[in-house]
Amino acid sequence: MSDPDYIAYGWQLAQLAGVEKAASVAAARVTRDRGGVVEYDDMRQEALIWVATHANSVSQYIVIVDGAFVVDIALLAHRLYSRLLNLSESEAGRAVKTYSYAATREGADE
């Protein structure tokens, strides 16, 4: 499959209801676990972009039953959660440093 075909296939996978649900579940968990440091919509978008660019990996979580695509939502959500958690680590670290600096400055002003 050529690159444009592969990406098109990836975006088709990203539009499956089960894949969208897994992306939503993963994004919600990361947003909750990161204490609001990351935005839900951003994490959901990152999950769907990852799906589109890693179609071979995502296809492991999809089977065809009676002509319909069936997505293992729980396993895919876990995989996406792990990916998003890694992706969000740098943002969470920056937020802690920013807060720590702000708290230090506040304390110095008193």
PDB file of N, CA and C in Angstrom:
ATOM      1  N   MET A   1       0.853  -1.172   0.000  1.00  0.00           N
ATOM      2  CA  MET A   1       0.000   0.000   0.000  1.00  0.00           C
ATOM      3  C   MET A   1       0.903   1.241   0.000  1.00  0.00           C
ATOM      4  N   SER A   2       0.647   2.170  -0.893  1.00  0.00           N
ATOM      5  CA  SER A   2       1.457   3.384  -0.952  1.00  0.00           C
ATOM      6  C   SER A   2       1.108   4.300   0.222  1.00  0.00           C
ATOM      7  N   ASP A   3       1.957   5.276   0.474  1.00  0.00           N
ATOM      8  CA  ASP A   3       1.733   6.187   1.596  1.00  0.00           C
ATOM      9  C   ASP A   3       0.361   6.854   1.571  1.00  0.00           C
ATOM     10  N   PRO A   4      -0.070   7.461   0.422  1.00  0.00           N
ATOM     11  CA  PRO A   4      -1.406   8.082   0.423  1.00  0.00           C
ATOM     12  C   PRO A   4      -2.523   7.061   0.678  1.00  0.00           C
ATOM     13  N   ASP A   5      -2.372   5.851   0.115  1.00  0.00           N
ATOM     14  CA  ASP A   5      -3.381   4.814   0.356  1.00  0.00           C
ATOM     15  C   ASP A   5      -3.395   4.390   1.820  1.00  0.00           C
ATOM     16  N   TYR A   6      -2.217   4.276   2.397  1.00  0.00           N
ATOM     17  CA  TYR A   6      -2.099   3.869   3.802  1.00  0.00           C
ATOM     18  C   TYR A   6      -2.747   4.902   4.719  1.00  0.00           C
ATOM     19  N   ILE A   7      -2.482   6.173   4.449  1.00  0.00           N
ATOM     20  CA  ILE A   7      -3.074   7.246   5.261  1.00  0.00           C
ATOM     21  C   ILE A   7      -4.592   7.282   5.069  1.00  0.00           C
ATOM     22  N   ALA A   8      -5.050   7.119   3.852  1.00  0.00           N
ATOM     23  CA  ALA A   8      -6.499   7.094   3.599  1.00  0.00           C
ATOM     24  C   ALA A   8      -7.147   5.940   4.349  1.00  0.00           C
ATOM     25  N   TYR A   9      -6.492   4.773   4.329  1.00  0.00           N
ATOM     26  CA  TYR A   9      -6.989   3.614   5.065  1.00  0.00           C
ATOM     27  C   TYR A   9      -7.020   3.924   6.564  1.00  0.00           C
ATOM     28  N   GLY A  10      -5.984   4.575   7.052  1.00  0.00           N
ATOM     29  CA  GLY A  10      -5.929   4.938   8.466  1.00  0.00           C
ATOM     30  C   GLY A  10      -7.062   5.855   8.868  1.00  0.00           C
ATOM     31  N   TRP A  11      -7.362   6.845   8.020  1.00  0.00           N
ATOM     32  CA  TRP A  11      -8.466   7.750   8.339  1.00  0.00           C
ATOM     33  C   TRP A  11      -9.811   7.034   8.259  1.00  0.00           C
ATOM     34  N   GLN A  12      -9.924   6.046   7.385  1.00  0.00           N
ATOM     35  CA  GLN A  12     -11.157   5.246   7.347  1.00  0.00           C
ATOM     36  C   GLN A  12     -11.324   4.486   8.662  1.00  0.00           C
ATOM     37  N   LEU A  13     -10.228   3.928   9.164  1.00  0.00           N
ATOM     38  CA  LEU A  13     -10.292   3.240  10.455  1.00  0.00           C
ATOM     39  C   LEU A  13     -10.672   4.213  11.569  1.00  0.00           C
ATOM     40  N   ALA A  14     -10.104   5.415  11.531  1.00  0.00           N
ATOM     41  CA  ALA A  14     -10.363   6.410  12.567  1.00  0.00           C
ATOM     42  C   ALA A  14     -11.835   6.820  12.616  1.00  0.00           C
ATOM     43  N   GLN A  15     -12.559   6.637  11.513  1.00  0.00           N
ATOM     44  CA  GLN A  15     -13.964   7.026  11.463  1.00  0.00           C
ATOM     45  C   GLN A  15     -14.922   5.922  11.896  1.00  0.00           C
ATOM     46  N   LEU A  16     -14.393   4.722  12.162  1.00  0.00           N
ATOM     47  CA  LEU A  16     -15.264   3.648  12.657  1.00  0.00           C
ATOM     48  C   LEU A  16     -15.780   4.028  14.045  1.00  0.00           C
ATOM     49  N   ALA A  17     -17.050   3.750  14.294  1.00  0.00           N
ATOM     50  CA  ALA A  17     -17.669   4.137  15.567  1.00  0.00           C
ATOM     51  C   ALA A  17     -16.902   3.590  16.766  1.00  0.00           C
ATOM     52  N   GLY A  18     -16.487   2.348  16.700  1.00  0.00           N
ATOM     53  CA  GLY A  18     -15.752   1.748  17.818  1.00  0.00           C
ATOM     54  C   GLY A  18     -14.405   2.395  18.050  1.00  0.00           C
ATOM     55  N   VAL A  19     -13.746   2.790  16.990  1.00  0.00           N
ATOM     56  CA  VAL A  19     -12.448   3.463  17.105  1.00  0.00           C
ATOM     57  C   VAL A  19     -12.644   4.855  17.697  1.00  0.00           C
ATOM     58  N   GLU A  20     -13.660   5.562  17.239  1.00  0.00           N
ATOM     59  CA  GLU A  20     -13.950   6.880  17.799  1.00  0.00           C
ATOM     60  C   GLU A  20     -14.290   6.780  19.284  1.00  0.00           C
ATOM     61  N   LYS A  21     -15.020   5.740  19.654  1.00  0.00           N
ATOM     62  CA  LYS A  21     -15.362   5.527  21.064  1.00  0.00           C
ATOM     63  C   LYS A  21     -14.106   5.267  21.885  1.00  0.00           C
ATOM     64  N   ALA A  22     -13.203   4.420  21.377  1.00  0.00           N
ATOM     65  CA  ALA A  22     -11.955   4.124  22.076  1.00  0.00           C
ATOM     66  C   ALA A  22     -11.120   5.397  22.246  1.00  0.00           C
ATOM     67  N   ALA A  23     -11.077   6.233  21.214  1.00  0.00           N
ATOM     68  CA  ALA A  23     -10.339   7.492  21.288  1.00  0.00           C
ATOM     69  C   ALA A  23     -10.948   8.413  22.347  1.00  0.00           C
ATOM     70  N   SER A  24     -12.261   8.448  22.409  1.00  0.00           N
ATOM     71  CA  SER A  24     -12.948   9.277  23.403  1.00  0.00           C
ATOM     72  C   SER A  24     -12.680   8.788  24.819  1.00  0.00           C
ATOM     73  N   VAL A  25     -12.735   7.478  25.017  1.00  0.00           N
ATOM     74  CA  VAL A  25     -12.486   6.888  26.336  1.00  0.00           C
ATOM     75  C   VAL A  25     -11.055   7.192  26.783  1.00  0.00           C
ATOM     76  N   ALA A  26     -10.091   6.976  25.884  1.00  0.00           N
ATOM     77  CA  ALA A  26      -8.687   7.217  26.214  1.00  0.00           C
ATOM     78  C   ALA A  26      -8.444   8.690  26.524  1.00  0.00           C
ATOM     79  N   ALA A  27      -9.008   9.570  25.717  1.00  0.00           N
ATOM     80  CA  ALA A  27      -8.833  11.009  25.924  1.00  0.00           C
ATOM     81  C   ALA A  27      -9.418  11.453  27.263  1.00  0.00           C
ATOM     82  N   ALA A  28     -10.576  10.923  27.608  1.00  0.00           N
ATOM     83  CA  ALA A  28     -11.211  11.275  28.882  1.00  0.00           C
ATOM     84  C   ALA A  28     -10.361  10.809  30.063  1.00  0.00           C
ATOM     85  N   ARG A  29      -9.821   9.605  29.967  1.00  0.00           N
ATOM     86  CA  ARG A  29      -8.979   9.086  31.058  1.00  0.00           C
ATOM     87  C   ARG A  29      -7.717   9.918  31.234  1.00  0.00           C
ATOM     88  N   VAL A  30      -7.059  10.254  30.138  1.00  0.00           N
ATOM     89  CA  VAL A  30      -5.828  11.038  30.230  1.00  0.00           C
ATOM     90  C   VAL A  30      -6.129  12.429  30.776  1.00  0.00           C
ATOM     91  N   THR A  31      -7.200  13.030  30.312  1.00  0.00           N
ATOM     92  CA  THR A  31      -7.574  14.359  30.799  1.00  0.00           C
ATOM     93  C   THR A  31      -7.824  14.317  32.305  1.00  0.00           C
ATOM     94  N   ARG A  32      -8.518  13.297  32.759  1.00  0.00           N
ATOM     95  CA  ARG A  32      -8.784  13.141  34.192  1.00  0.00           C
ATOM     96  C   ARG A  32      -7.489  12.868  34.963  1.00  0.00           C
ATOM     97  N   ASP A  33      -6.676  11.936  34.463  1.00  0.00           N
ATOM     98  CA  ASP A  33      -5.459  11.544  35.172  1.00  0.00           C
ATOM     99  C   ASP A  33      -4.400  12.638  35.198  1.00  0.00           C
ATOM    100  N   ARG A  34      -4.414  13.520  34.226  1.00  0.00           N
ATOM    101  CA  ARG A  34      -3.453  14.623  34.186  1.00  0.00           C
ATOM    102  C   ARG A  34      -3.990  15.862  34.888  1.00  0.00           C
ATOM    103  N   GLY A  35      -5.084  15.717  35.584  1.00  0.00           N
ATOM    104  CA  GLY A  35      -5.599  16.811  36.404  1.00  0.00           C
ATOM    105  C   GLY A  35      -5.969  18.063  35.641  1.00  0.00           C
ATOM    106  N   GLY A  36      -6.461  17.892  34.422  1.00  0.00           N
ATOM    107  CA  GLY A  36      -6.889  19.047  33.648  1.00  0.00           C
ATOM    108  C   GLY A  36      -5.762  19.813  32.980  1.00  0.00           C
ATOM    109  N   VAL A  37      -4.544  19.276  33.028  1.00  0.00           N
ATOM    110  CA  VAL A  37      -3.405  19.936  32.388  1.00  0.00           C
ATOM    111  C   VAL A  37      -3.532  19.875  30.871  1.00  0.00           C
ATOM    112  N   VAL A  38      -4.148  18.808  30.375  1.00  0.00           N
ATOM    113  CA  VAL A  38      -4.357  18.652  28.936  1.00  0.00           C
ATOM    114  C   VAL A  38      -5.845  18.753  28.647  1.00  0.00           C
ATOM    115  N   GLU A  39      -6.167  19.157  27.435  1.00  0.00           N
ATOM    116  CA  GLU A  39      -7.561  19.321  27.028  1.00  0.00           C
ATOM    117  C   GLU A  39      -8.090  18.035  26.398  1.00  0.00           C
ATOM    118  N   TYR A  40      -9.321  17.707  26.722  1.00  0.00           N
ATOM    119  CA  TYR A  40      -9.965  16.511  26.179  1.00  0.00           C
ATOM    120  C   TYR A  40      -9.956  16.508  24.653  1.00  0.00           C
ATOM    121  N   ASP A  41     -10.382  17.603  24.045  1.00  0.00           N
ATOM    122  CA  ASP A  41     -10.453  17.660  22.579  1.00  0.00           C
ATOM    123  C   ASP A  41      -9.091  17.461  21.932  1.00  0.00           C
ATOM    124  N   ASP A  42      -8.056  18.029  22.531  1.00  0.00           N
ATOM    125  CA  ASP A  42      -6.700  17.861  22.002  1.00  0.00           C
ATOM    126  C   ASP A  42      -6.261  16.400  22.079  1.00  0.00           C
ATOM    127  N   MET A  43      -6.543  15.762  23.208  1.00  0.00           N
ATOM    128  CA  MET A  43      -6.145  14.363  23.391  1.00  0.00           C
ATOM    129  C   MET A  43      -6.921  13.442  22.448  1.00  0.00           C
ATOM    130  N   ARG A  44      -8.203  13.731  22.252  1.00  0.00           N
ATOM    131  CA  ARG A  44      -9.004  12.919  21.335  1.00  0.00           C
ATOM    132  C   ARG A  44      -8.475  13.062  19.908  1.00  0.00           C
ATOM    133  N   GLN A  45      -8.148  14.278  19.525  1.00  0.00           N
ATOM    134  CA  GLN A  45      -7.600  14.516  18.191  1.00  0.00           C
ATOM    135  C   GLN A  45      -6.257  13.797  18.027  1.00  0.00           C
ATOM    136  N   GLU A  46      -5.403  13.856  19.036  1.00  0.00           N
ATOM    137  CA  GLU A  46      -4.116  13.158  18.978  1.00  0.00           C
ATOM    138  C   GLU A  46      -4.318  11.654  18.832  1.00  0.00           C
ATOM    139  N   ALA A  47      -5.310  11.116  19.536  1.00  0.00           N
ATOM    140  CA  ALA A  47      -5.595   9.680  19.441  1.00  0.00           C
ATOM    141  C   ALA A  47      -6.017   9.308  18.024  1.00  0.00           C
ATOM    142  N   LEU A  48      -6.891  10.107  17.420  1.00  0.00           N
ATOM    143  CA  LEU A  48      -7.358   9.805  16.067  1.00  0.00           C
ATOM    144  C   LEU A  48      -6.249   9.982  15.031  1.00  0.00           C
ATOM    145  N   ILE A  49      -5.383  10.949  15.246  1.00  0.00           N
ATOM    146  CA  ILE A  49      -4.237  11.107  14.341  1.00  0.00           C
ATOM    147  C   ILE A  49      -3.322   9.880  14.457  1.00  0.00           C
ATOM    148  N   TRP A  50      -3.108   9.411  15.676  1.00  0.00           N
ATOM    149  CA  TRP A  50      -2.271   8.219  15.859  1.00  0.00           C
ATOM    150  C   TRP A  50      -2.899   7.022  15.144  1.00  0.00           C
ATOM    151  N   VAL A  51      -4.199   6.868  15.270  1.00  0.00           N
ATOM    152  CA  VAL A  51      -4.900   5.778  14.574  1.00  0.00           C
ATOM    153  C   VAL A  51      -4.658   5.880  13.073  1.00  0.00           C
ATOM    154  N   ALA A  52      -4.830   7.066  12.521  1.00  0.00           N
ATOM    155  CA  ALA A  52      -4.700   7.257  11.074  1.00  0.00           C
ATOM    156  C   ALA A  52      -3.289   6.981  10.578  1.00  0.00           C
ATOM    157  N   THR A  53      -2.306   7.241  11.409  1.00  0.00           N
ATOM    158  CA  THR A  53      -0.915   7.057  10.980  1.00  0.00           C
ATOM    159  C   THR A  53      -0.316   5.726  11.407  1.00  0.00           C
ATOM    160  N   HIS A  54      -1.094   4.924  12.127  1.00  0.00           N
ATOM    161  CA  HIS A  54      -0.635   3.604  12.571  1.00  0.00           C
ATOM    162  C   HIS A  54      -1.701   2.551  12.291  1.00  0.00           C
ATOM    163  N   ALA A  55      -2.201   2.558  11.082  1.00  0.00           N
ATOM    164  CA  ALA A  55      -3.309   1.674  10.712  1.00  0.00           C
ATOM    165  C   ALA A  55      -2.989   0.200  10.941  1.00  0.00           C
ATOM    166  N   ASN A  56      -1.764  -0.205  10.656  1.00  0.00           N
ATOM    167  CA  ASN A  56      -1.413  -1.619  10.859  1.00  0.00           C
ATOM    168  C   ASN A  56      -1.537  -2.017  12.319  1.00  0.00           C
ATOM    169  N   SER A  57      -1.084  -1.167  13.217  1.00  0.00           N
ATOM    170  CA  SER A  57      -1.201  -1.453  14.647  1.00  0.00           C
ATOM    171  C   SER A  57      -2.659  -1.484  15.088  1.00  0.00           C
ATOM    172  N   VAL A  58      -3.437  -0.541  14.594  1.00  0.00           N
ATOM    173  CA  VAL A  58      -4.846  -0.441  14.994  1.00  0.00           C
ATOM    174  C   VAL A  58      -5.662  -1.606  14.455  1.00  0.00           C
ATOM    175  N   SER A  59      -5.320  -2.089  13.282  1.00  0.00           N
ATOM    176  CA  SER A  59      -6.094  -3.178  12.673  1.00  0.00           C
ATOM    177  C   SER A  59      -6.061  -4.453  13.518  1.00  0.00           C
ATOM    178  N   GLN A  60      -5.107  -4.560  14.434  1.00  0.00           N
ATOM    179  CA  GLN A  60      -5.069  -5.713  15.350  1.00  0.00           C
ATOM    180  C   GLN A  60      -6.289  -5.750  16.268  1.00  0.00           C
ATOM    181  N   TYR A  61      -6.907  -4.616  16.478  1.00  0.00           N
ATOM    182  CA  TYR A  61      -8.036  -4.501  17.398  1.00  0.00           C
ATOM    183  C   TYR A  61      -9.389  -4.554  16.685  1.00  0.00           C
ATOM    184  N   ILE A  62      -9.357  -4.836  15.388  1.00  0.00           N
ATOM    185  CA  ILE A  62     -10.583  -4.836  14.588  1.00  0.00           C
ATOM    186  C   ILE A  62     -10.736  -6.178  13.882  1.00  0.00           C
ATOM    187  N   VAL A  63     -11.927  -6.744  13.975  1.00  0.00           N
ATOM    188  CA  VAL A  63     -12.246  -7.969  13.238  1.00  0.00           C
ATOM    189  C   VAL A  63     -13.521  -7.731  12.441  1.00  0.00           C
ATOM    190  N   ILE A  64     -13.707  -8.539  11.432  1.00  0.00           N
ATOM    191  CA  ILE A  64     -14.933  -8.451  10.634  1.00  0.00           C
ATOM    192  C   ILE A  64     -15.814  -9.642  10.994  1.00  0.00           C
ATOM    193  N   VAL A  65     -17.028  -9.344  11.450  1.00  0.00           N
ATOM    194  CA  VAL A  65     -17.990 -10.372  11.830  1.00  0.00           C
ATOM    195  C   VAL A  65     -19.258 -10.129  11.023  1.00  0.00           C
ATOM    196  N   ASP A  66     -19.644 -11.109  10.226  1.00  0.00           N
ATOM    197  CA  ASP A  66     -20.837 -10.999   9.379  1.00  0.00           C
ATOM    198  C   ASP A  66     -20.820  -9.711   8.543  1.00  0.00           C
ATOM    199  N   GLY A  67     -19.663  -9.366   8.017  1.00  0.00           N
ATOM    200  CA  GLY A  67     -19.532  -8.196   7.152  1.00  0.00           C
ATOM    201  C   GLY A  67     -19.446  -6.870   7.864  1.00  0.00           C
ATOM    202  N   ALA A  68     -19.449  -6.886   9.197  1.00  0.00           N
ATOM    203  CA  ALA A  68     -19.379  -5.639   9.959  1.00  0.00           C
ATOM    204  C   ALA A  68     -18.056  -5.570  10.717  1.00  0.00           C
ATOM    205  N   PHE A  69     -17.515  -4.361  10.832  1.00  0.00           N
ATOM    206  CA  PHE A  69     -16.290  -4.162  11.600  1.00  0.00           C
ATOM    207  C   PHE A  69     -16.629  -4.144  13.090  1.00  0.00           C
ATOM    208  N   VAL A  70     -15.930  -4.964  13.853  1.00  0.00           N
ATOM    209  CA  VAL A  70     -16.114  -5.007  15.300  1.00  0.00           C
ATOM    210  C   VAL A  70     -14.785  -4.612  15.938  1.00  0.00           C
ATOM    211  N   VAL A  71     -14.827  -3.583  16.738  1.00  0.00           N
ATOM    212  CA  VAL A  71     -13.623  -3.044  17.362  1.00  0.00           C
ATOM    213  C   VAL A  71     -13.576  -3.489  18.817  1.00  0.00           C
ATOM    214  N   ASP A  72     -12.414  -3.976  19.250  1.00  0.00           N
ATOM    215  CA  ASP A  72     -12.208  -4.280  20.667  1.00  0.00           C
ATOM    216  C   ASP A  72     -11.914  -2.941  21.342  1.00  0.00           C
ATOM    217  N   ILE A  73     -12.971  -2.284  21.762  1.00  0.00           N
ATOM    218  CA  ILE A  73     -12.873  -0.921  22.278  1.00  0.00           C
ATOM    219  C   ILE A  73     -11.986  -0.857  23.513  1.00  0.00           C
ATOM    220  N   ALA A  74     -12.138  -1.812  24.425  1.00  0.00           N
ATOM    221  CA  ALA A  74     -11.378  -1.766  25.673  1.00  0.00           C
ATOM    222  C   ALA A  74      -9.873  -1.861  25.411  1.00  0.00           C
ATOM    223  N   LEU A  75      -9.464  -2.801  24.580  1.00  0.00           N
ATOM    224  CA  LEU A  75      -8.031  -2.956  24.307  1.00  0.00           C
ATOM    225  C   LEU A  75      -7.470  -1.778  23.517  1.00  0.00           C
ATOM    226  N   LEU A  76      -8.215  -1.309  22.535  1.00  0.00           N
ATOM    227  CA  LEU A  76      -7.744  -0.169  21.757  1.00  0.00           C
ATOM    228  C   LEU A  76      -7.685   1.081  22.634  1.00  0.00           C
ATOM    229  N   ALA A  77      -8.679   1.268  23.486  1.00  0.00           N
ATOM    230  CA  ALA A  77      -8.675   2.424  24.389  1.00  0.00           C
ATOM    231  C   ALA A  77      -7.457   2.375  25.301  1.00  0.00           C
ATOM    232  N   HIS A  78      -7.105   1.186  25.776  1.00  0.00           N
ATOM    233  CA  HIS A  78      -5.927   1.051  26.638  1.00  0.00           C
ATOM    234  C   HIS A  78      -4.652   1.417  25.872  1.00  0.00           C
ATOM    235  N   ARG A  79      -4.548   0.956  24.638  1.00  0.00           N
ATOM    236  CA  ARG A  79      -3.378   1.271  23.803  1.00  0.00           C
ATOM    237  C   ARG A  79      -3.288   2.769  23.551  1.00  0.00           C
ATOM    238  N   LEU A  80      -4.415   3.378  23.229  1.00  0.00           N
ATOM    239  CA  LEU A  80      -4.438   4.821  22.983  1.00  0.00           C
ATOM    240  C   LEU A  80      -4.143   5.601  24.268  1.00  0.00           C
ATOM    241  N   TYR A  81      -4.667   5.121  25.383  1.00  0.00           N
ATOM    242  CA  TYR A  81      -4.405   5.759  26.675  1.00  0.00           C
ATOM    243  C   TYR A  81      -2.903   5.791  26.950  1.00  0.00           C
ATOM    244  N   SER A  82      -2.235   4.660  26.738  1.00  0.00           N
ATOM    245  CA  SER A  82      -0.784   4.593  26.964  1.00  0.00           C
ATOM    246  C   SER A  82      -0.056   5.598  26.078  1.00  0.00           C
ATOM    247  N   ARG A  83      -0.456   5.659  24.829  1.00  0.00           N
ATOM    248  CA  ARG A  83       0.164   6.585  23.873  1.00  0.00           C
ATOM    249  C   ARG A  83      -0.065   8.034  24.307  1.00  0.00           C
ATOM    250  N   LEU A  84      -1.291   8.354  24.672  1.00  0.00           N
ATOM    251  CA  LEU A  84      -1.618   9.722  25.078  1.00  0.00           C
ATOM    252  C   LEU A  84      -0.943  10.101  26.394  1.00  0.00           C
ATOM    253  N   LEU A  85      -0.832   9.144  27.297  1.00  0.00           N
ATOM    254  CA  LEU A  85      -0.168   9.409  28.569  1.00  0.00           C
ATOM    255  C   LEU A  85       1.285   9.791  28.324  1.00  0.00           C
ATOM    256  N   ASN A  86       1.958   9.052  27.462  1.00  0.00           N
ATOM    257  CA  ASN A  86       3.344   9.382  27.119  1.00  0.00           C
ATOM    258  C   ASN A  86       3.426  10.749  26.455  1.00  0.00           C
ATOM    259  N   LEU A  87       2.513  11.006  25.551  1.00  0.00           N
ATOM    260  CA  LEU A  87       2.502  12.271  24.828  1.00  0.00           C
ATOM    261  C   LEU A  87       2.274  13.452  25.773  1.00  0.00           C
ATOM    262  N   SER A  88       1.447  13.252  26.776  1.00  0.00           N
ATOM    263  CA  SER A  88       1.077  14.347  27.672  1.00  0.00           C
ATOM    264  C   SER A  88       2.076  14.569  28.804  1.00  0.00           C
ATOM    265  N   GLU A  89       3.053  13.689  28.963  1.00  0.00           N
ATOM    266  CA  GLU A  89       4.013  13.845  30.059  1.00  0.00           C
ATOM    267  C   GLU A  89       4.742  15.177  30.015  1.00  0.00           C
ATOM    268  N   SER A  90       5.174  15.580  28.838  1.00  0.00           N
ATOM    269  CA  SER A  90       5.913  16.843  28.739  1.00  0.00           C
ATOM    270  C   SER A  90       5.018  18.031  29.085  1.00  0.00           C
ATOM    271  N   GLU A  91       3.761  17.980  28.676  1.00  0.00           N
ATOM    272  CA  GLU A  91       2.840  19.075  29.005  1.00  0.00           C
ATOM    273  C   GLU A  91       2.596  19.139  30.504  1.00  0.00           C
ATOM    274  N   ALA A  92       2.437  17.991  31.133  1.00  0.00           N
ATOM    275  CA  ALA A  92       2.213  17.959  32.573  1.00  0.00           C
ATOM    276  C   ALA A  92       3.443  18.477  33.312  1.00  0.00           C
ATOM    277  N   GLY A  93       4.623  18.105  32.838  1.00  0.00           N
ATOM    278  CA  GLY A  93       5.857  18.581  33.454  1.00  0.00           C
ATOM    279  C   GLY A  93       6.007  20.090  33.354  1.00  0.00           C
ATOM    280  N   ARG A  94       5.660  20.639  32.189  1.00  0.00           N
ATOM    281  CA  ARG A  94       5.721  22.093  32.011  1.00  0.00           C
ATOM    282  C   ARG A  94       4.743  22.791  32.950  1.00  0.00           C
ATOM    283  N   ALA A  95       3.573  22.212  33.124  1.00  0.00           N
ATOM    284  CA  ALA A  95       2.568  22.830  33.992  1.00  0.00           C
ATOM    285  C   ALA A  95       3.050  22.848  35.437  1.00  0.00           C
ATOM    286  N   VAL A  96       3.687  21.773  35.883  1.00  0.00           N
ATOM    287  CA  VAL A  96       4.203  21.716  37.254  1.00  0.00           C
ATOM    288  C   VAL A  96       5.294  22.763  37.434  1.00  0.00           C
ATOM    289  N   LYS A  97       6.200  22.871  36.458  1.00  0.00           N
ATOM    290  CA  LYS A  97       7.276  23.854  36.559  1.00  0.00           C
ATOM    291  C   LYS A  97       6.716  25.269  36.564  1.00  0.00           C
ATOM    292  N   THR A  98       5.719  25.530  35.728  1.00  0.00           N
ATOM    293  CA  THR A  98       5.104  26.852  35.673  1.00  0.00           C
ATOM    294  C   THR A  98       4.443  27.175  37.003  1.00  0.00           C
ATOM    295  N   TYR A  99       3.735  26.227  37.552  1.00  0.00           N
ATOM    296  CA  TYR A  99       3.065  26.450  38.831  1.00  0.00           C
ATOM    297  C   TYR A  99       4.111  26.665  39.923  1.00  0.00           C
ATOM    298  N   SER A 100       5.138  25.845  39.931  1.00  0.00           N
ATOM    299  CA  SER A 100       6.158  25.965  40.961  1.00  0.00           C
ATOM    300  C   SER A 100       6.828  27.338  40.902  1.00  0.00           C
ATOM    301  N   TYR A 101       7.115  27.814  39.695  1.00  0.00           N
ATOM    302  CA  TYR A 101       7.714  29.125  39.551  1.00  0.00           C
ATOM    303  C   TYR A 101       6.759  30.212  40.073  1.00  0.00           C
ATOM    304  N   ALA A 102       5.490  30.086  39.671  1.00  0.00           N
ATOM    305  CA  ALA A 102       4.500  31.067  40.110  1.00  0.00           C
ATOM    306  C   ALA A 102       4.347  31.058  41.631  1.00  0.00           C
ATOM    307  N   ALA A 103       4.323  29.868  42.215  1.00  0.00           N
ATOM    308  CA  ALA A 103       4.192  29.760  43.665  1.00  0.00           C
ATOM    309  C   ALA A 103       5.421  30.347  44.348  1.00  0.00           C
ATOM    310  N   THR A 104       6.585  30.125  43.790  1.00  0.00           N
ATOM    311  CA  THR A 104       7.818  30.675  44.350  1.00  0.00           C
ATOM    312  C   THR A 104       7.794  32.185  44.292  1.00  0.00           C
ATOM    313  N   ARG A 105       7.374  32.749  43.175  1.00  0.00           N
ATOM    314  CA  ARG A 105       7.312  34.203  43.044  1.00  0.00           C
ATOM    315  C   ARG A 105       6.295  34.788  44.012  1.00  0.00           C
ATOM    316  N   GLU A 106       5.170  34.098  44.180  1.00  0.00           N
ATOM    317  CA  GLU A 106       4.146  34.581  45.101  1.00  0.00           C
ATOM    318  C   GLU A 106       4.691  34.641  46.519  1.00  0.00           C
ATOM    319  N   GLY A 107       5.386  33.575  46.905  1.00  0.00           N
ATOM    320  CA  GLY A 107       5.976  33.508  48.226  1.00  0.00           C
ATOM    321  C   GLY A 107       7.035  34.584  48.450  1.00  0.00           C
ATOM    322  N   ALA A 108       7.771  34.921  47.403  1.00  0.00           N
ATOM    323  CA  ALA A 108       8.827  35.932  47.506  1.00  0.00           C
ATOM    324  C   ALA A 108       8.240  37.339  47.637  1.00  0.00           C
ATOM    325  N   ASP A 109       7.051  37.533  47.080  1.00  0.00           N
ATOM    326  CA  ASP A 109       6.432  38.857  47.121  1.00  0.00           C
ATOM    327  C   ASP A 109       5.815  39.181  48.482  1.00  0.00           C
ATOM    328  N   GLU A 110       5.639  38.175  49.302  1.00  0.00           N
ATOM    329  CA  GLU A 110       4.972  38.412  50.608  1.00  0.00           C
ATOM    330  C   GLU A 110       5.918  38.952  51.633  1.00  0.00           C
TER     331      GLU A 110
END
